[in-house]
Amino acid sequence: MATHNNTPRTNDSEYRCTLKEEFKYILLPVSYSLVFVVGLGLNITAMYVILFRTKNWKPSTIYMINLNICDTLYILTLPFLIYYYADENDWPFGETMCKLIRFLFYTNLYGSILFLSCISLHRFLGICHPVRSLSWINGRRARFVSVGIWAIVLIFQAPILYFSRTRSNGTLLICHDTTSKDLFNHFVVYSSVVMFLLCVLPFGVVLVCNGLMVRKLKEPSVGEGPMSQRSKQKSVKMIIIVLLTFMLCFLPFHLNRSIYYTFRYLDIHNCDMLRLANNAYKATRPLVSINSCIDPILYFMAGQSFRKSIKKLSMKSDKTLSTLQ
């Protein structure tokens, strides 16, 4: 049997494959700790500016505050996982908390993906169909779309509350990041459907929207004048950031997880392949968390008002420090 919380499914009782993944007890706590400190600071700052310093809420602002909420809730699950992996897979919080943390972890992960996709679609309409977008896009519709996204994510992630289980392993209590061995085949089917609907399809939308935006921005008539030229440069930077977020944070994790799940589902009796797939999957898990540190860059680039608010906050803190000194 494998010596980790995701025991590979095998039909041959004589077959044993020990997965060597001790590196995760250092990699995951350290990476999650860094993301928790940096990401929480950035997202709380962004949330404060959006809620208390932004007067006119545009549709993009509504999507960004929802993205900010997803990232913040995601980050707040990390201390539990930091403790769990630092203590080498010993979960002290009980099965209910195990279910809740896994549920929040994946709910806010896929919520982030969908709201990033909405931001790309919103900018695509504004750049490629500026006249029509005036009637298509407004604050009321953006709020309606946001509620719909939360409903979709919560419905699709509800089965996590069923699949997530704890298991006693000697003196340890394991909190499965997949499910118990007897439910693993069903879990693979479920997670594959969720990945396709909530990651692959949104990524396809992002690719198409950003590709069409790049083509539009290359047209000579676009970007005339100093203000429009700055707007064009900002749009290009946001396109790059969104694409990098998907390609560096989301795709490696989902690709390696799919390969690892497939190997276990097919019950492949090749320890080297199984270990390689498992190690790649575990190594790319921190990349998903880095997304919550990258998203605040989008808030910063979203508008001049956000940057002015950040400058005011920094100037106020400098004055406070000078008076204390």
Protein backbone atom coordinates (compact mmCIF):
# COMPACT_ATOMS: atom_id res chain seq x y z
CA MET A 1 0.00 0.00 0.00
CA ALA A 2 1.16 3.54 -0.60
CA THR A 3 2.32 5.48 2.44
CA HIS A 4 0.41 8.72 1.88
CA ASN A 5 -3.12 10.03 2.13
CA ASN A 6 -4.00 9.14 -1.46
CA THR A 7 -3.42 5.40 -1.46
CA PRO A 8 -3.20 4.13 -5.06
CA ARG A 9 -5.95 1.72 -6.02
CA THR A 10 -4.67 -1.77 -6.83
CA ASN A 11 -6.52 -4.99 -7.60
CA ASP A 12 -3.52 -7.23 -7.00
CA SER A 13 -3.17 -7.89 -3.29
CA GLU A 14 0.48 -8.84 -3.77
CA TYR A 15 1.33 -5.62 -5.52
CA ARG A 16 2.80 -2.92 -3.32
CA CYS A 17 4.12 0.48 -4.36
CA THR A 18 5.44 2.91 -1.77
CA LEU A 19 5.23 6.50 -2.96
CA LYS A 20 8.17 8.56 -1.75
CA GLU A 21 6.73 12.01 -1.18
CA GLU A 22 8.46 13.22 1.97
CA PHE A 23 9.41 16.39 0.07
CA LYS A 24 5.81 17.62 0.34
CA TYR A 25 6.16 17.95 4.11
CA ILE A 26 8.60 20.79 3.43
CA LEU A 27 7.42 22.11 0.05
CA LEU A 28 3.73 22.55 0.89
CA PRO A 29 4.04 24.15 4.36
CA VAL A 30 6.76 26.56 3.19
CA SER A 31 5.02 27.56 -0.06
CA TYR A 32 1.59 27.82 1.57
CA SER A 33 3.06 29.94 4.40
CA LEU A 34 4.61 32.39 1.92
CA VAL A 35 1.38 32.62 -0.06
CA PHE A 36 -0.60 33.12 3.15
CA VAL A 37 1.55 36.04 4.33
CA VAL A 38 2.00 37.77 0.96
CA GLY A 39 -1.41 36.94 -0.52
CA LEU A 40 -3.40 37.88 2.58
CA GLY A 41 -1.68 41.26 2.80
CA LEU A 42 -2.20 42.03 -0.89
CA ASN A 43 -5.82 40.89 -0.96
CA ILE A 44 -6.84 42.67 2.24
CA THR A 45 -5.30 45.87 0.84
CA ALA A 46 -7.15 45.38 -2.45
CA MET A 47 -10.41 44.63 -0.64
CA TYR A 48 -10.08 47.78 1.49
CA VAL A 49 -9.43 49.96 -1.55
CA ILE A 50 -12.29 48.46 -3.58
CA LEU A 51 -14.82 48.63 -0.74
CA PHE A 52 -13.90 51.96 0.85
CA ARG A 53 -11.96 53.95 -1.75
CA THR A 54 -13.78 53.13 -4.99
CA LYS A 55 -16.77 55.42 -5.52
CA ASN A 56 -18.05 54.32 -8.92
CA TRP A 57 -18.45 50.55 -9.18
CA LYS A 58 -18.15 49.47 -12.79
CA PRO A 59 -18.96 45.89 -13.92
CA SER A 60 -15.23 45.12 -13.86
CA THR A 61 -15.11 46.30 -10.23
CA ILE A 62 -17.89 43.85 -9.32
CA TYR A 63 -16.01 40.95 -10.91
CA MET A 64 -12.80 41.98 -9.20
CA ILE A 65 -14.31 42.20 -5.70
CA ASN A 66 -15.73 38.70 -6.22
CA LEU A 67 -12.34 37.49 -7.39
CA ASN A 68 -10.84 39.16 -4.34
CA ILE A 69 -13.32 37.35 -2.05
CA CYS A 70 -12.44 34.01 -3.68
CA ASP A 71 -8.72 34.60 -3.20
CA THR A 72 -9.14 35.74 0.41
CA LEU A 73 -11.32 32.76 1.39
CA TYR A 74 -8.89 30.44 -0.39
CA ILE A 75 -5.95 31.91 1.53
CA LEU A 76 -7.79 31.50 4.85
CA THR A 77 -7.89 27.71 4.30
CA LEU A 78 -4.09 27.53 4.03
CA PRO A 79 -3.19 27.64 7.78
CA PHE A 80 -5.06 24.36 8.31
CA LEU A 81 -3.19 22.73 5.43
CA ILE A 82 0.12 24.22 6.59
CA TYR A 83 -0.35 22.59 10.00
CA TYR A 84 -1.51 19.31 8.45
CA TYR A 85 1.42 18.86 6.07
CA ALA A 86 4.00 20.22 8.53
CA ASP A 87 2.78 17.56 10.98
CA GLU A 88 3.25 14.95 8.22
CA ASN A 89 -0.38 14.13 7.45
CA ASP A 90 -1.84 14.20 10.94
CA TRP A 91 -5.22 15.99 10.89
CA PRO A 92 -6.31 17.15 14.37
CA PHE A 93 -9.44 19.09 13.40
CA GLY A 94 -11.95 16.27 12.84
CA GLU A 95 -13.78 14.99 9.76
CA THR A 96 -16.28 17.87 9.51
CA MET A 97 -13.47 20.40 9.34
CA CYS A 98 -11.64 18.20 6.81
CA LYS A 99 -14.70 18.29 4.54
CA LEU A 100 -15.14 22.04 5.00
CA ILE A 101 -11.50 22.95 4.26
CA ARG A 102 -11.36 20.77 1.13
CA PHE A 103 -14.71 22.22 0.00
CA LEU A 104 -13.59 25.84 0.52
CA PHE A 105 -10.21 25.14 -1.08
CA TYR A 106 -11.67 23.91 -4.37
CA THR A 107 -14.75 26.17 -4.36
CA ASN A 108 -12.63 29.31 -4.23
CA LEU A 109 -10.07 27.88 -6.66
CA TYR A 110 -12.69 27.37 -9.36
CA GLY A 111 -14.44 30.59 -8.40
CA SER A 112 -11.18 32.42 -9.14
CA ILE A 113 -10.94 30.76 -12.53
CA LEU A 114 -14.49 31.73 -13.49
CA PHE A 115 -14.20 35.34 -12.33
CA LEU A 116 -10.88 35.72 -14.18
CA SER A 117 -12.72 34.46 -17.26
CA CYS A 118 -15.48 37.04 -16.69
CA ILE A 119 -12.89 39.82 -16.49
CA SER A 120 -11.38 38.67 -19.81
CA LEU A 121 -14.81 38.44 -21.44
CA HIS A 122 -15.73 41.89 -20.10
CA ARG A 123 -12.57 43.48 -21.52
CA PHE A 124 -13.08 41.64 -24.82
CA LEU A 125 -16.55 43.16 -25.21
CA GLY A 126 -15.26 46.61 -24.28
CA ILE A 127 -12.39 46.49 -26.79
CA CYS A 128 -13.88 44.53 -29.69
CA HIS A 129 -17.52 45.65 -29.38
CA PRO A 130 -17.36 49.02 -27.58
CA VAL A 131 -20.74 50.34 -28.81
CA ARG A 132 -22.75 47.16 -28.25
CA SER A 133 -21.09 46.58 -24.88
CA LEU A 134 -22.71 49.77 -23.55
CA SER A 135 -26.10 48.05 -23.64
CA TRP A 136 -24.81 44.54 -22.87
CA ILE A 137 -22.68 45.40 -19.84
CA ASN A 138 -23.93 47.16 -16.75
CA GLY A 139 -23.65 46.82 -13.01
CA ARG A 140 -26.95 44.97 -12.64
CA ARG A 141 -25.98 42.27 -15.16
CA ALA A 142 -22.53 41.96 -13.63
CA ARG A 143 -24.11 41.31 -10.21
CA PHE A 144 -26.49 38.79 -11.78
CA VAL A 145 -23.57 36.98 -13.47
CA SER A 146 -21.60 36.99 -10.21
CA VAL A 147 -24.47 35.40 -8.28
CA GLY A 148 -24.79 32.82 -11.06
CA ILE A 149 -21.09 31.96 -10.85
CA TRP A 150 -21.26 31.47 -7.08
CA ALA A 151 -24.31 29.23 -7.50
CA ILE A 152 -22.60 27.14 -10.19
CA VAL A 153 -19.41 26.72 -8.18
CA LEU A 154 -21.23 25.82 -4.96
CA ILE A 155 -23.42 23.26 -6.75
CA PHE A 156 -20.49 21.64 -8.57
CA GLN A 157 -18.32 21.54 -5.45
CA ALA A 158 -21.02 20.23 -3.10
CA PRO A 159 -19.99 16.57 -3.78
CA ILE A 160 -16.62 17.37 -2.16
CA LEU A 161 -18.48 17.39 1.16
CA TYR A 162 -19.40 13.76 0.45
CA PHE A 163 -16.12 12.57 -1.03
CA SER A 164 -13.78 14.15 1.54
CA ARG A 165 -13.10 11.67 4.33
CA THR A 166 -10.73 11.08 7.20
CA ARG A 167 -9.00 7.75 7.86
CA SER A 168 -7.04 6.44 10.79
CA ASN A 169 -3.54 5.27 9.93
CA GLY A 170 -2.00 4.07 13.14
CA THR A 171 -1.65 7.11 15.36
CA LEU A 172 -2.34 9.49 12.45
CA LEU A 173 -5.69 10.81 11.20
CA ILE A 174 -5.50 11.29 7.43
CA CYS A 175 -7.61 13.99 5.72
CA HIS A 176 -7.94 12.77 2.12
CA ASP A 177 -7.43 15.38 -0.56
CA THR A 178 -9.27 13.00 -2.89
CA THR A 179 -11.48 10.43 -1.15
CA SER A 180 -11.43 6.97 0.36
CA LYS A 181 -10.15 4.05 -1.70
CA ASP A 182 -13.58 2.53 -2.40
CA LEU A 183 -14.91 5.84 -3.76
CA PHE A 184 -11.85 6.82 -5.78
CA ASN A 185 -13.17 5.69 -9.20
CA HIS A 186 -16.32 7.77 -8.74
CA PHE A 187 -14.25 10.70 -7.53
CA VAL A 188 -12.06 10.62 -10.66
CA VAL A 189 -15.14 10.81 -12.90
CA TYR A 190 -16.56 13.67 -10.84
CA SER A 191 -13.30 15.67 -10.71
CA SER A 192 -12.78 15.19 -14.46
CA VAL A 193 -16.21 16.63 -15.24
CA VAL A 194 -15.60 19.57 -12.88
CA MET A 195 -12.17 20.21 -14.39
CA PHE A 196 -13.59 20.26 -17.92
CA LEU A 197 -16.54 22.52 -17.11
CA LEU A 198 -14.87 24.87 -14.63
CA CYS A 199 -11.30 25.01 -15.95
CA VAL A 200 -10.89 23.75 -19.53
CA LEU A 201 -13.93 25.55 -20.96
CA PRO A 202 -13.18 28.86 -19.17
CA PHE A 203 -9.57 28.66 -20.36
CA GLY A 204 -10.88 28.21 -23.90
CA VAL A 205 -13.01 31.34 -23.47
CA VAL A 206 -9.99 33.24 -22.14
CA LEU A 207 -7.81 32.15 -25.07
CA VAL A 208 -10.41 33.15 -27.66
CA CYS A 209 -11.21 36.49 -26.00
CA ASN A 210 -7.58 37.45 -25.51
CA GLY A 211 -6.64 36.33 -29.02
CA LEU A 212 -9.36 38.51 -30.53
CA MET A 213 -8.35 41.42 -28.28
CA VAL A 214 -4.73 41.17 -29.39
CA ARG A 215 -5.82 41.19 -33.04
CA LYS A 216 -8.03 44.22 -32.42
CA LEU A 217 -5.31 46.09 -30.54
CA LYS A 218 -2.92 45.57 -33.47
CA GLU A 219 -5.18 47.52 -35.79
CA PRO A 220 -3.67 50.93 -36.70
CA SER A 221 -6.87 52.80 -35.82
CA VAL A 222 -6.74 51.50 -32.24
CA GLY A 223 -4.54 53.43 -29.84
CA GLU A 224 -4.57 56.89 -31.41
CA GLY A 225 -3.87 59.67 -28.92
CA PRO A 226 -1.92 59.61 -25.64
CA MET A 227 -4.80 58.42 -23.40
CA SER A 228 -5.95 55.64 -25.72
CA GLN A 229 -2.33 54.55 -26.19
CA ARG A 230 -1.94 54.15 -22.41
CA SER A 231 -5.21 52.25 -22.31
CA LYS A 232 -3.95 49.99 -25.08
CA GLN A 233 -0.73 49.26 -23.19
CA LYS A 234 -2.69 48.51 -20.01
CA SER A 235 -4.94 46.12 -21.94
CA VAL A 236 -1.93 44.26 -23.34
CA LYS A 237 -0.41 43.93 -19.86
CA MET A 238 -3.67 42.59 -18.43
CA ILE A 239 -3.92 40.06 -21.27
CA ILE A 240 -0.40 38.84 -20.48
CA ILE A 241 -1.11 38.58 -16.74
CA VAL A 242 -4.36 36.62 -17.21
CA LEU A 243 -2.77 34.21 -19.69
CA LEU A 244 0.29 33.70 -17.47
CA THR A 245 -2.00 33.04 -14.50
CA PHE A 246 -3.78 30.28 -16.38
CA MET A 247 -0.69 28.75 -17.94
CA LEU A 248 1.56 28.90 -14.88
CA CYS A 249 -0.90 28.41 -12.03
CA PHE A 250 -3.91 26.43 -13.22
CA LEU A 251 -2.86 24.31 -16.20
CA PRO A 252 0.23 22.55 -14.71
CA PHE A 253 -1.74 21.58 -11.60
CA HIS A 254 -4.76 20.23 -13.49
CA LEU A 255 -2.64 18.47 -16.12
CA ASN A 256 -0.43 16.66 -13.61
CA ARG A 257 -3.36 15.85 -11.35
CA SER A 258 -5.22 14.32 -14.32
CA ILE A 259 -2.22 12.18 -15.24
CA TYR A 260 -1.81 10.97 -11.65
CA TYR A 261 -5.53 10.22 -11.24
CA THR A 262 -5.57 8.36 -14.56
CA PHE A 263 -2.64 6.16 -13.53
CA ARG A 264 -4.41 5.27 -10.30
CA TYR A 265 -7.76 4.77 -12.02
CA LEU A 266 -6.19 2.39 -14.55
CA ASP A 267 -4.33 0.64 -11.71
CA ILE A 268 -0.98 0.89 -13.50
CA HIS A 269 1.54 -1.42 -11.84
CA ASN A 270 4.61 0.65 -12.62
CA CYS A 271 6.06 2.24 -9.52
CA ASP A 272 8.39 4.58 -11.39
CA MET A 273 5.58 6.04 -13.50
CA LEU A 274 3.24 6.30 -10.52
CA ARG A 275 5.88 8.00 -8.38
CA LEU A 276 6.79 10.44 -11.14
CA ALA A 277 3.14 11.35 -11.70
CA ASN A 278 2.51 11.73 -7.98
CA ASN A 279 5.60 13.89 -7.45
CA ALA A 280 4.70 16.13 -10.39
CA TYR A 281 1.17 16.54 -9.05
CA LYS A 282 2.40 17.42 -5.55
CA ALA A 283 5.10 19.77 -6.91
CA THR A 284 2.58 21.80 -8.94
CA ARG A 285 0.09 22.24 -6.08
CA PRO A 286 1.85 25.38 -4.76
CA LEU A 287 1.50 26.98 -8.20
CA VAL A 288 -2.28 27.11 -7.75
CA SER A 289 -1.85 29.13 -4.57
CA ILE A 290 0.43 31.67 -6.23
CA ASN A 291 -2.58 32.77 -8.28
CA SER A 292 -3.99 34.53 -5.20
CA CYS A 293 -0.84 36.67 -5.08
CA ILE A 294 -0.97 37.51 -8.79
CA ASP A 295 -4.62 38.59 -8.91
CA PRO A 296 -4.05 41.81 -6.90
CA ILE A 297 -1.87 42.98 -9.79
CA LEU A 298 -5.07 43.05 -11.85
CA TYR A 299 -6.70 45.25 -9.23
CA PHE A 300 -3.71 47.59 -9.37
CA MET A 301 -3.84 47.81 -13.15
CA ALA A 302 -7.63 48.09 -13.32
CA GLY A 303 -7.76 51.83 -13.03
CA GLN A 304 -6.16 55.06 -12.03
CA SER A 305 -8.40 55.38 -8.95
CA PHE A 306 -6.98 52.22 -7.45
CA ARG A 307 -3.39 53.42 -7.90
CA LYS A 308 -4.27 56.82 -6.40
CA SER A 309 -5.82 55.10 -3.38
CA ILE A 310 -2.71 52.97 -2.88
CA LYS A 311 -0.54 56.12 -3.02
CA LYS A 312 -2.78 57.84 -0.46
CA LEU A 313 -2.56 54.85 1.85
CA SER A 314 1.24 54.72 1.56
CA MET A 315 1.53 58.49 2.14
CA LYS A 316 -0.73 58.23 5.19
CA SER A 317 1.34 55.38 6.63
CA ASP A 318 4.55 57.36 6.02
CA LYS A 319 3.10 60.34 7.91
CA THR A 320 2.07 58.07 10.78
CA LEU A 321 5.57 56.62 10.99
CA SER A 322 7.17 60.06 10.93
CA THR A 323 4.95 61.26 13.82
CA LEU A 324 5.79 58.14 15.83
CA GLN A 325 9.48 58.75 15.32
